mmCIF file of all heavy atoms, coordinates in Angstrom:
data_MODEL
# 
_entry.id   MODEL 
# 
loop_
_atom_site.group_PDB 
_atom_site.id 
_atom_site.type_symbol 
_atom_site.label_atom_id 
_atom_site.label_alt_id 
_atom_site.label_comp_id 
_atom_site.label_asym_id 
_atom_site.label_entity_id 
_atom_site.label_seq_id 
_atom_site.pdbx_PDB_ins_code 
_atom_site.Cartn_x 
_atom_site.Cartn_y 
_atom_site.Cartn_z 
_atom_site.occupancy 
_atom_site.B_iso_or_equiv 
_atom_site.pdbx_formal_charge 
_atom_site.auth_seq_id 
_atom_site.auth_comp_id 
_atom_site.auth_asym_id 
_atom_site.auth_atom_id 
_atom_site.pdbx_PDB_model_num 
ATOM 1   N N   . ALA A 1 1  ? -22.863 -2.689 5.394  1.00 0.00 ? 1  ALA A N   1 
ATOM 2   C CA  . ALA A 1 1  ? -23.020 -3.376 6.680  1.00 0.00 ? 1  ALA A CA  1 
ATOM 3   C C   . ALA A 1 1  ? -21.880 -4.332 7.024  1.00 0.00 ? 1  ALA A C   1 
ATOM 4   O O   . ALA A 1 1  ? -21.275 -4.369 8.164  1.00 0.00 ? 1  ALA A O   1 
ATOM 5   C CB  . ALA A 1 1  ? -24.350 -4.098 6.774  1.00 0.00 ? 1  ALA A CB  1 
ATOM 6   N N   . PHE A 1 2  ? -21.320 -5.012 5.979  1.00 0.00 ? 2  PHE A N   1 
ATOM 7   C CA  . PHE A 1 2  ? -20.237 -5.941 6.142  1.00 0.00 ? 2  PHE A CA  1 
ATOM 8   C C   . PHE A 1 2  ? -19.042 -5.414 5.388  1.00 0.00 ? 2  PHE A C   1 
ATOM 9   O O   . PHE A 1 2  ? -19.038 -5.203 4.135  1.00 0.00 ? 2  PHE A O   1 
ATOM 10  C CB  . PHE A 1 2  ? -20.588 -7.288 5.657  1.00 0.00 ? 2  PHE A CB  1 
ATOM 11  C CG  . PHE A 1 2  ? -21.574 -8.020 6.613  1.00 0.00 ? 2  PHE A CG  1 
ATOM 12  C CD1 . PHE A 1 2  ? -22.927 -7.954 6.425  1.00 0.00 ? 2  PHE A CD1 1 
ATOM 13  C CD2 . PHE A 1 2  ? -21.149 -8.711 7.658  1.00 0.00 ? 2  PHE A CD2 1 
ATOM 14  C CE1 . PHE A 1 2  ? -23.833 -8.560 7.348  1.00 0.00 ? 2  PHE A CE1 1 
ATOM 15  C CE2 . PHE A 1 2  ? -21.898 -9.406 8.561  1.00 0.00 ? 2  PHE A CE2 1 
ATOM 16  C CZ  . PHE A 1 2  ? -23.295 -9.334 8.392  1.00 0.00 ? 2  PHE A CZ  1 
ATOM 17  N N   . ASP A 1 3  ? -17.891 -5.192 6.116  1.00 0.00 ? 3  ASP A N   1 
ATOM 18  C CA  . ASP A 1 3  ? -16.767 -4.561 5.436  1.00 0.00 ? 3  ASP A CA  1 
ATOM 19  C C   . ASP A 1 3  ? -16.118 -5.467 4.396  1.00 0.00 ? 3  ASP A C   1 
ATOM 20  O O   . ASP A 1 3  ? -15.420 -4.956 3.497  1.00 0.00 ? 3  ASP A O   1 
ATOM 21  C CB  . ASP A 1 3  ? -15.733 -4.161 6.510  1.00 0.00 ? 3  ASP A CB  1 
ATOM 22  C CG  . ASP A 1 3  ? -16.338 -3.042 7.365  1.00 0.00 ? 3  ASP A CG  1 
ATOM 23  O OD1 . ASP A 1 3  ? -16.682 -1.979 6.806  1.00 0.00 ? 3  ASP A OD1 1 
ATOM 24  O OD2 . ASP A 1 3  ? -16.398 -3.265 8.623  1.00 0.00 ? 3  ASP A OD2 1 
ATOM 25  N N   . SER A 1 4  ? -16.348 -6.793 4.545  1.00 0.00 ? 4  SER A N   1 
ATOM 26  C CA  . SER A 1 4  ? -15.750 -7.734 3.655  1.00 0.00 ? 4  SER A CA  1 
ATOM 27  C C   . SER A 1 4  ? -16.501 -7.541 2.185  1.00 0.00 ? 4  SER A C   1 
ATOM 28  O O   . SER A 1 4  ? -15.938 -8.021 1.164  1.00 0.00 ? 4  SER A O   1 
ATOM 29  C CB  . SER A 1 4  ? -15.863 -9.147 4.068  1.00 0.00 ? 4  SER A CB  1 
ATOM 30  O OG  . SER A 1 4  ? -17.199 -9.488 4.337  1.00 0.00 ? 4  SER A OG  1 
ATOM 31  N N   . PHE A 1 5  ? -17.649 -6.868 2.184  1.00 0.00 ? 5  PHE A N   1 
ATOM 32  C CA  . PHE A 1 5  ? -18.316 -6.692 0.901  1.00 0.00 ? 5  PHE A CA  1 
ATOM 33  C C   . PHE A 1 5  ? -17.562 -5.727 0.018  1.00 0.00 ? 5  PHE A C   1 
ATOM 34  O O   . PHE A 1 5  ? -17.872 -5.656 -1.240 1.00 0.00 ? 5  PHE A O   1 
ATOM 35  C CB  . PHE A 1 5  ? -19.738 -6.226 1.132  1.00 0.00 ? 5  PHE A CB  1 
ATOM 36  C CG  . PHE A 1 5  ? -20.649 -6.278 -0.069 1.00 0.00 ? 5  PHE A CG  1 
ATOM 37  C CD1 . PHE A 1 5  ? -20.999 -7.475 -0.615 1.00 0.00 ? 5  PHE A CD1 1 
ATOM 38  C CD2 . PHE A 1 5  ? -21.184 -5.102 -0.589 1.00 0.00 ? 5  PHE A CD2 1 
ATOM 39  C CE1 . PHE A 1 5  ? -21.794 -7.494 -1.756 1.00 0.00 ? 5  PHE A CE1 1 
ATOM 40  C CE2 . PHE A 1 5  ? -22.003 -5.230 -1.676 1.00 0.00 ? 5  PHE A CE2 1 
ATOM 41  C CZ  . PHE A 1 5  ? -22.382 -6.377 -2.307 1.00 0.00 ? 5  PHE A CZ  1 
ATOM 42  N N   . TYR A 1 6  ? -16.744 -4.836 0.504  1.00 0.00 ? 6  TYR A N   1 
ATOM 43  C CA  . TYR A 1 6  ? -16.099 -3.885 -0.349 1.00 0.00 ? 6  TYR A CA  1 
ATOM 44  C C   . TYR A 1 6  ? -15.249 -4.487 -1.499 1.00 0.00 ? 6  TYR A C   1 
ATOM 45  O O   . TYR A 1 6  ? -15.221 -3.971 -2.587 1.00 0.00 ? 6  TYR A O   1 
ATOM 46  C CB  . TYR A 1 6  ? -15.083 -2.966 0.483  1.00 0.00 ? 6  TYR A CB  1 
ATOM 47  C CG  . TYR A 1 6  ? -15.896 -1.929 1.253  1.00 0.00 ? 6  TYR A CG  1 
ATOM 48  C CD1 . TYR A 1 6  ? -16.011 -2.062 2.651  1.00 0.00 ? 6  TYR A CD1 1 
ATOM 49  C CD2 . TYR A 1 6  ? -16.566 -0.875 0.617  1.00 0.00 ? 6  TYR A CD2 1 
ATOM 50  C CE1 . TYR A 1 6  ? -16.730 -1.074 3.338  1.00 0.00 ? 6  TYR A CE1 1 
ATOM 51  C CE2 . TYR A 1 6  ? -17.323 0.049  1.429  1.00 0.00 ? 6  TYR A CE2 1 
ATOM 52  C CZ  . TYR A 1 6  ? -17.372 -0.074 2.729  1.00 0.00 ? 6  TYR A CZ  1 
ATOM 53  O OH  . TYR A 1 6  ? -18.026 0.894  3.439  1.00 0.00 ? 6  TYR A OH  1 
ATOM 54  N N   . GLY A 1 7  ? -14.600 -5.497 -1.291 1.00 0.00 ? 7  GLY A N   1 
ATOM 55  C CA  . GLY A 1 7  ? -13.801 -6.173 -2.343 1.00 0.00 ? 7  GLY A CA  1 
ATOM 56  C C   . GLY A 1 7  ? -12.517 -5.517 -2.529 1.00 0.00 ? 7  GLY A C   1 
ATOM 57  O O   . GLY A 1 7  ? -12.207 -4.405 -1.965 1.00 0.00 ? 7  GLY A O   1 
ATOM 58  N N   . PRO A 1 8  ? -11.636 -5.991 -3.321 1.00 0.00 ? 8  PRO A N   1 
ATOM 59  C CA  . PRO A 1 8  ? -10.230 -5.560 -3.538 1.00 0.00 ? 8  PRO A CA  1 
ATOM 60  C C   . PRO A 1 8  ? -10.286 -4.217 -4.276 1.00 0.00 ? 8  PRO A C   1 
ATOM 61  O O   . PRO A 1 8  ? -9.159  -3.514 -4.335 1.00 0.00 ? 8  PRO A O   1 
ATOM 62  C CB  . PRO A 1 8  ? -9.639  -6.559 -4.408 1.00 0.00 ? 8  PRO A CB  1 
ATOM 63  C CG  . PRO A 1 8  ? -10.716 -7.401 -4.987 1.00 0.00 ? 8  PRO A CG  1 
ATOM 64  C CD  . PRO A 1 8  ? -11.904 -7.294 -4.147 1.00 0.00 ? 8  PRO A CD  1 
ATOM 65  N N   . SER A 1 9  ? -11.290 -3.765 -4.939 1.00 0.00 ? 9  SER A N   1 
ATOM 66  C CA  . SER A 1 9  ? -11.265 -2.493 -5.691 1.00 0.00 ? 9  SER A CA  1 
ATOM 67  C C   . SER A 1 9  ? -11.241 -1.239 -4.782 1.00 0.00 ? 9  SER A C   1 
ATOM 68  O O   . SER A 1 9  ? -10.938 -0.185 -5.135 1.00 0.00 ? 9  SER A O   1 
ATOM 69  C CB  . SER A 1 9  ? -12.360 -2.387 -6.742 1.00 0.00 ? 9  SER A CB  1 
ATOM 70  O OG  . SER A 1 9  ? -13.624 -2.468 -6.138 1.00 0.00 ? 9  SER A OG  1 
ATOM 71  N N   . ALA A 1 10 ? -11.809 -1.480 -3.549 1.00 0.00 ? 10 ALA A N   1 
ATOM 72  C CA  . ALA A 1 10 ? -11.844 -0.346 -2.581 1.00 0.00 ? 10 ALA A CA  1 
ATOM 73  C C   . ALA A 1 10 ? -10.637 -0.299 -1.772 1.00 0.00 ? 10 ALA A C   1 
ATOM 74  O O   . ALA A 1 10 ? -10.161 -1.295 -1.230 1.00 0.00 ? 10 ALA A O   1 
ATOM 75  C CB  . ALA A 1 10 ? -13.057 -0.480 -1.660 1.00 0.00 ? 10 ALA A CB  1 
ATOM 76  N N   . SER A 1 11 ? -9.909  0.906  -1.820 1.00 0.00 ? 11 SER A N   1 
ATOM 77  C CA  . SER A 1 11 ? -8.710  1.010  -1.142 1.00 0.00 ? 11 SER A CA  1 
ATOM 78  C C   . SER A 1 11 ? -8.919  1.168  0.344  1.00 0.00 ? 11 SER A C   1 
ATOM 79  O O   . SER A 1 11 ? -10.000 1.504  0.828  1.00 0.00 ? 11 SER A O   1 
ATOM 80  C CB  . SER A 1 11 ? -7.858  2.173  -1.519 1.00 0.00 ? 11 SER A CB  1 
ATOM 81  O OG  . SER A 1 11 ? -8.556  3.444  -1.108 1.00 0.00 ? 11 SER A OG  1 
ATOM 82  N N   . VAL A 1 12 ? -7.973  0.738  1.147  1.00 0.00 ? 12 VAL A N   1 
ATOM 83  C CA  . VAL A 1 12 ? -8.099  0.875  2.639  1.00 0.00 ? 12 VAL A CA  1 
ATOM 84  C C   . VAL A 1 12 ? -8.325  2.363  2.949  1.00 0.00 ? 12 VAL A C   1 
ATOM 85  O O   . VAL A 1 12 ? -9.256  2.590  3.855  1.00 0.00 ? 12 VAL A O   1 
ATOM 86  C CB  . VAL A 1 12 ? -6.774  0.376  3.292  1.00 0.00 ? 12 VAL A CB  1 
ATOM 87  C CG1 . VAL A 1 12 ? -6.762  0.706  4.790  1.00 0.00 ? 12 VAL A CG1 1 
ATOM 88  C CG2 . VAL A 1 12 ? -6.537  -1.067 3.012  1.00 0.00 ? 12 VAL A CG2 1 
ATOM 89  N N   . GLU A 1 13 ? -7.624  3.288  2.321  1.00 0.00 ? 13 GLU A N   1 
ATOM 90  C CA  . GLU A 1 13 ? -7.880  4.715  2.702  1.00 0.00 ? 13 GLU A CA  1 
ATOM 91  C C   . GLU A 1 13 ? -9.353  5.092  2.306  1.00 0.00 ? 13 GLU A C   1 
ATOM 92  O O   . GLU A 1 13 ? -9.876  5.980  3.103  1.00 0.00 ? 13 GLU A O   1 
ATOM 93  C CB  . GLU A 1 13 ? -6.924  5.505  1.767  1.00 0.00 ? 13 GLU A CB  1 
ATOM 94  C CG  . GLU A 1 13 ? -5.428  5.331  2.130  1.00 0.00 ? 13 GLU A CG  1 
ATOM 95  C CD  . GLU A 1 13 ? -4.772  4.106  1.518  1.00 0.00 ? 13 GLU A CD  1 
ATOM 96  O OE1 . GLU A 1 13 ? -5.460  3.439  0.643  1.00 0.00 ? 13 GLU A OE1 1 
ATOM 97  O OE2 . GLU A 1 13 ? -3.602  3.887  1.875  1.00 0.00 ? 13 GLU A OE2 1 
ATOM 98  N N   . ALA A 1 14 ? -9.906  4.600  1.272  1.00 0.00 ? 14 ALA A N   1 
ATOM 99  C CA  . ALA A 1 14 ? -11.286 4.960  0.946  1.00 0.00 ? 14 ALA A CA  1 
ATOM 100 C C   . ALA A 1 14 ? -12.272 4.345  2.038  1.00 0.00 ? 14 ALA A C   1 
ATOM 101 O O   . ALA A 1 14 ? -13.249 5.072  2.364  1.00 0.00 ? 14 ALA A O   1 
ATOM 102 C CB  . ALA A 1 14 ? -11.696 4.370  -0.481 1.00 0.00 ? 14 ALA A CB  1 
ATOM 103 N N   . ILE A 1 15 ? -12.048 3.215  2.490  1.00 0.00 ? 15 ILE A N   1 
ATOM 104 C CA  . ILE A 1 15 ? -12.844 2.621  3.584  1.00 0.00 ? 15 ILE A CA  1 
ATOM 105 C C   . ILE A 1 15 ? -12.741 3.427  4.781  1.00 0.00 ? 15 ILE A C   1 
ATOM 106 O O   . ILE A 1 15 ? -13.717 3.747  5.496  1.00 0.00 ? 15 ILE A O   1 
ATOM 107 C CB  . ILE A 1 15 ? -12.525 1.175  3.658  1.00 0.00 ? 15 ILE A CB  1 
ATOM 108 C CG1 . ILE A 1 15 ? -12.896 0.382  2.470  1.00 0.00 ? 15 ILE A CG1 1 
ATOM 109 C CG2 . ILE A 1 15 ? -13.352 0.619  4.896  1.00 0.00 ? 15 ILE A CG2 1 
ATOM 110 C CD1 . ILE A 1 15 ? -12.413 -1.061 2.430  1.00 0.00 ? 15 ILE A CD1 1 
ATOM 111 N N   . ILE A 1 16 ? -11.511 3.782  5.170  1.00 0.00 ? 16 ILE A N   1 
ATOM 112 C CA  . ILE A 1 16 ? -11.334 4.573  6.366  1.00 0.00 ? 16 ILE A CA  1 
ATOM 113 C C   . ILE A 1 16 ? -11.909 5.853  6.276  1.00 0.00 ? 16 ILE A C   1 
ATOM 114 O O   . ILE A 1 16 ? -12.531 6.545  7.160  1.00 0.00 ? 16 ILE A O   1 
ATOM 115 C CB  . ILE A 1 16 ? -9.804  4.616  6.805  1.00 0.00 ? 16 ILE A CB  1 
ATOM 116 C CG1 . ILE A 1 16 ? -9.277  3.275  7.077  1.00 0.00 ? 16 ILE A CG1 1 
ATOM 117 C CG2 . ILE A 1 16 ? -9.541  5.724  7.810  1.00 0.00 ? 16 ILE A CG2 1 
ATOM 118 C CD1 . ILE A 1 16 ? -7.745  3.097  7.339  1.00 0.00 ? 16 ILE A CD1 1 
ATOM 119 N N   . ASP A 1 17 ? -11.849 6.513  5.100  1.00 0.00 ? 17 ASP A N   1 
ATOM 120 C CA  . ASP A 1 17 ? -12.527 7.766  4.816  1.00 0.00 ? 17 ASP A CA  1 
ATOM 121 C C   . ASP A 1 17 ? -14.030 7.684  4.997  1.00 0.00 ? 17 ASP A C   1 
ATOM 122 O O   . ASP A 1 17 ? -14.733 8.517  5.592  1.00 0.00 ? 17 ASP A O   1 
ATOM 123 C CB  . ASP A 1 17 ? -12.258 8.312  3.486  1.00 0.00 ? 17 ASP A CB  1 
ATOM 124 C CG  . ASP A 1 17 ? -12.765 9.635  3.240  1.00 0.00 ? 17 ASP A CG  1 
ATOM 125 O OD1 . ASP A 1 17 ? -12.495 10.568 4.088  1.00 0.00 ? 17 ASP A OD1 1 
ATOM 126 O OD2 . ASP A 1 17 ? -13.432 9.932  2.218  1.00 0.00 ? 17 ASP A OD2 1 
ATOM 127 N N   . ARG A 1 18 ? -14.663 6.529  4.611  1.00 0.00 ? 18 ARG A N   1 
ATOM 128 C CA  . ARG A 1 18 ? -16.075 6.285  4.785  1.00 0.00 ? 18 ARG A CA  1 
ATOM 129 C C   . ARG A 1 18 ? -16.339 6.119  6.294  1.00 0.00 ? 18 ARG A C   1 
ATOM 130 O O   . ARG A 1 18 ? -17.345 6.774  6.779  1.00 0.00 ? 18 ARG A O   1 
ATOM 131 C CB  . ARG A 1 18 ? -16.524 4.992  4.042  1.00 0.00 ? 18 ARG A CB  1 
ATOM 132 C CG  . ARG A 1 18 ? -17.831 4.435  4.377  1.00 0.00 ? 18 ARG A CG  1 
ATOM 133 C CD  . ARG A 1 18 ? -18.997 5.442  4.413  1.00 0.00 ? 18 ARG A CD  1 
ATOM 134 N NE  . ARG A 1 18 ? -19.346 5.818  3.039  1.00 0.00 ? 18 ARG A NE  1 
ATOM 135 C CZ  . ARG A 1 18 ? -20.355 6.641  2.757  1.00 0.00 ? 18 ARG A CZ  1 
ATOM 136 N NH1 . ARG A 1 18 ? -21.120 7.175  3.801  1.00 0.00 ? 18 ARG A NH1 1 
ATOM 137 N NH2 . ARG A 1 18 ? -20.771 6.957  1.578  1.00 0.00 ? 18 ARG A NH2 1 
ATOM 138 N N   . TRP A 1 19 ? -15.567 5.437  6.974  1.00 0.00 ? 19 TRP A N   1 
ATOM 139 C CA  . TRP A 1 19 ? -15.686 5.371  8.480  1.00 0.00 ? 19 TRP A CA  1 
ATOM 140 C C   . TRP A 1 19 ? -15.627 6.665  9.129  1.00 0.00 ? 19 TRP A C   1 
ATOM 141 O O   . TRP A 1 19 ? -16.478 7.077  9.930  1.00 0.00 ? 19 TRP A O   1 
ATOM 142 C CB  . TRP A 1 19 ? -14.602 4.387  9.070  1.00 0.00 ? 19 TRP A CB  1 
ATOM 143 C CG  . TRP A 1 19 ? -14.774 3.008  8.710  1.00 0.00 ? 19 TRP A CG  1 
ATOM 144 C CD1 . TRP A 1 19 ? -15.883 2.335  8.198  1.00 0.00 ? 19 TRP A CD1 1 
ATOM 145 C CD2 . TRP A 1 19 ? -13.776 1.963  9.043  1.00 0.00 ? 19 TRP A CD2 1 
ATOM 146 N NE1 . TRP A 1 19 ? -15.579 1.077  8.056  1.00 0.00 ? 19 TRP A NE1 1 
ATOM 147 C CE2 . TRP A 1 19 ? -14.257 0.813  8.605  1.00 0.00 ? 19 TRP A CE2 1 
ATOM 148 C CE3 . TRP A 1 19 ? -12.583 1.975  9.588  1.00 0.00 ? 19 TRP A CE3 1 
ATOM 149 C CZ2 . TRP A 1 19 ? -13.625 -0.463 8.670  1.00 0.00 ? 19 TRP A CZ2 1 
ATOM 150 C CZ3 . TRP A 1 19 ? -11.807 0.865  9.673  1.00 0.00 ? 19 TRP A CZ3 1 
ATOM 151 C CH2 . TRP A 1 19 ? -12.415 -0.395 9.246  1.00 0.00 ? 19 TRP A CH2 1 
ATOM 152 N N   . ASP A 1 20 ? -14.554 7.562  8.694  1.00 0.00 ? 20 ASP A N   1 
ATOM 153 C CA  . ASP A 1 20 ? -14.514 8.889  9.323  1.00 0.00 ? 20 ASP A CA  1 
ATOM 154 C C   . ASP A 1 20 ? -15.703 9.687  8.980  1.00 0.00 ? 20 ASP A C   1 
ATOM 155 O O   . ASP A 1 20 ? -16.209 10.406 9.879  1.00 0.00 ? 20 ASP A O   1 
ATOM 156 C CB  . ASP A 1 20 ? -13.238 9.597  8.688  1.00 0.00 ? 20 ASP A CB  1 
ATOM 157 C CG  . ASP A 1 20 ? -13.152 10.981 9.178  1.00 0.00 ? 20 ASP A CG  1 
ATOM 158 O OD1 . ASP A 1 20 ? -12.847 11.187 10.323 1.00 0.00 ? 20 ASP A OD1 1 
ATOM 159 O OD2 . ASP A 1 20 ? -13.368 11.913 8.319  1.00 0.00 ? 20 ASP A OD2 1 
ATOM 160 N N   . TYR A 1 21 ? -16.235 9.669  7.765  1.00 0.00 ? 21 TYR A N   1 
ATOM 161 C CA  . TYR A 1 21 ? -17.466 10.362 7.429  1.00 0.00 ? 21 TYR A CA  1 
ATOM 162 C C   . TYR A 1 21 ? -18.596 9.946  8.341  1.00 0.00 ? 21 TYR A C   1 
ATOM 163 O O   . TYR A 1 21 ? -19.381 10.731 8.884  1.00 0.00 ? 21 TYR A O   1 
ATOM 164 C CB  . TYR A 1 21 ? -17.781 10.161 5.986  1.00 0.00 ? 21 TYR A CB  1 
ATOM 165 C CG  . TYR A 1 21 ? -19.042 10.908 5.645  1.00 0.00 ? 21 TYR A CG  1 
ATOM 166 C CD1 . TYR A 1 21 ? -18.980 12.247 5.140  1.00 0.00 ? 21 TYR A CD1 1 
ATOM 167 C CD2 . TYR A 1 21 ? -20.300 10.166 5.488  1.00 0.00 ? 21 TYR A CD2 1 
ATOM 168 C CE1 . TYR A 1 21 ? -20.155 12.887 4.905  1.00 0.00 ? 21 TYR A CE1 1 
ATOM 169 C CE2 . TYR A 1 21 ? -21.493 10.866 5.154  1.00 0.00 ? 21 TYR A CE2 1 
ATOM 170 C CZ  . TYR A 1 21 ? -21.321 12.233 4.836  1.00 0.00 ? 21 TYR A CZ  1 
ATOM 171 O OH  . TYR A 1 21 ? -22.528 12.926 4.508  1.00 0.00 ? 21 TYR A OH  1 
ATOM 172 N N   . LYS A 1 22 ? -18.807 8.652  8.484  1.00 0.00 ? 22 LYS A N   1 
ATOM 173 C CA  . LYS A 1 22 ? -19.853 8.104  9.312  1.00 0.00 ? 22 LYS A CA  1 
ATOM 174 C C   . LYS A 1 22 ? -19.832 8.584  10.737 1.00 0.00 ? 22 LYS A C   1 
ATOM 175 O O   . LYS A 1 22 ? -20.742 9.081  11.339 1.00 0.00 ? 22 LYS A O   1 
ATOM 176 C CB  . LYS A 1 22 ? -19.823 6.612  9.211  1.00 0.00 ? 22 LYS A CB  1 
ATOM 177 C CG  . LYS A 1 22 ? -20.995 5.948  9.977  1.00 0.00 ? 22 LYS A CG  1 
ATOM 178 C CD  . LYS A 1 22 ? -21.138 4.491  9.851  1.00 0.00 ? 22 LYS A CD  1 
ATOM 179 C CE  . LYS A 1 22 ? -22.349 3.852  10.455 1.00 0.00 ? 22 LYS A CE  1 
ATOM 180 N NZ  . LYS A 1 22 ? -22.426 2.365  10.195 1.00 0.00 ? 22 LYS A NZ  1 
ATOM 181 N N   . LEU A 1 23 ? -18.576 8.572  11.238 1.00 0.00 ? 23 LEU A N   1 
ATOM 182 C CA  . LEU A 1 23 ? -18.392 9.164  12.625 1.00 0.00 ? 23 LEU A CA  1 
ATOM 183 C C   . LEU A 1 23 ? -18.629 10.563 12.732 1.00 0.00 ? 23 LEU A C   1 
ATOM 184 O O   . LEU A 1 23 ? -19.114 11.088 13.772 1.00 0.00 ? 23 LEU A O   1 
ATOM 185 C CB  . LEU A 1 23 ? -17.009 8.693  13.156 1.00 0.00 ? 23 LEU A CB  1 
ATOM 186 C CG  . LEU A 1 23 ? -16.782 7.318  13.424 1.00 0.00 ? 23 LEU A CG  1 
ATOM 187 C CD1 . LEU A 1 23 ? -15.330 6.997  13.767 1.00 0.00 ? 23 LEU A CD1 1 
ATOM 188 C CD2 . LEU A 1 23 ? -17.740 6.751  14.574 1.00 0.00 ? 23 LEU A CD2 1 
ATOM 189 N N   . SER A 1 24 ? -18.323 11.271 11.742 1.00 0.00 ? 24 SER A N   1 
ATOM 190 C CA  . SER A 1 24 ? -18.513 12.812 11.704 1.00 0.00 ? 24 SER A CA  1 
ATOM 191 C C   . SER A 1 24 ? -19.963 13.120 11.578 1.00 0.00 ? 24 SER A C   1 
ATOM 192 O O   . SER A 1 24 ? -20.373 14.328 11.867 1.00 0.00 ? 24 SER A O   1 
ATOM 193 C CB  . SER A 1 24 ? -17.713 13.514 10.539 1.00 0.00 ? 24 SER A CB  1 
ATOM 194 O OG  . SER A 1 24 ? -18.294 13.149 9.333  1.00 0.00 ? 24 SER A OG  1 
ATOM 195 N N   . THR A 1 25 ? -20.861 12.305 11.280 1.00 0.00 ? 25 THR A N   1 
ATOM 196 C CA  . THR A 1 25 ? -22.309 12.496 11.253 1.00 0.00 ? 25 THR A CA  1 
ATOM 197 C C   . THR A 1 25 ? -22.934 12.138 12.582 1.00 0.00 ? 25 THR A C   1 
ATOM 198 O O   . THR A 1 25 ? -24.147 12.327 12.692 1.00 0.00 ? 25 THR A O   1 
ATOM 199 C CB  . THR A 1 25 ? -23.012 11.784 10.261 1.00 0.00 ? 25 THR A CB  1 
ATOM 200 O OG1 . THR A 1 25 ? -22.944 10.371 10.402 1.00 0.00 ? 25 THR A OG1 1 
ATOM 201 C CG2 . THR A 1 25 ? -22.425 12.031 8.813  1.00 0.00 ? 25 THR A CG2 1 
ATOM 202 N N   . GLN A 1 26 ? -22.112 11.754 13.499 1.00 0.00 ? 26 GLN A N   1 
ATOM 203 C CA  . GLN A 1 26 ? -22.680 11.353 14.901 1.00 0.00 ? 26 GLN A CA  1 
ATOM 204 C C   . GLN A 1 26 ? -22.345 12.319 15.981 1.00 0.00 ? 26 GLN A C   1 
ATOM 205 O O   . GLN A 1 26 ? -21.327 12.941 15.887 1.00 0.00 ? 26 GLN A O   1 
ATOM 206 C CB  . GLN A 1 26 ? -22.232 9.950  15.205 1.00 0.00 ? 26 GLN A CB  1 
ATOM 207 C CG  . GLN A 1 26 ? -22.628 8.847  14.275 1.00 0.00 ? 26 GLN A CG  1 
ATOM 208 C CD  . GLN A 1 26 ? -22.122 7.550  14.651 1.00 0.00 ? 26 GLN A CD  1 
ATOM 209 O OE1 . GLN A 1 26 ? -21.150 7.442  15.416 1.00 0.00 ? 26 GLN A OE1 1 
ATOM 210 N NE2 . GLN A 1 26 ? -22.652 6.475  13.993 1.00 0.00 ? 26 GLN A NE2 1 
# 
């Protein structure tokens, strides 16, 4: 729910891929 929870181990690309996946389910 909060993007700041990802922490430094999650790459920007991985977070954007998660966003893309979420949008693709809508």
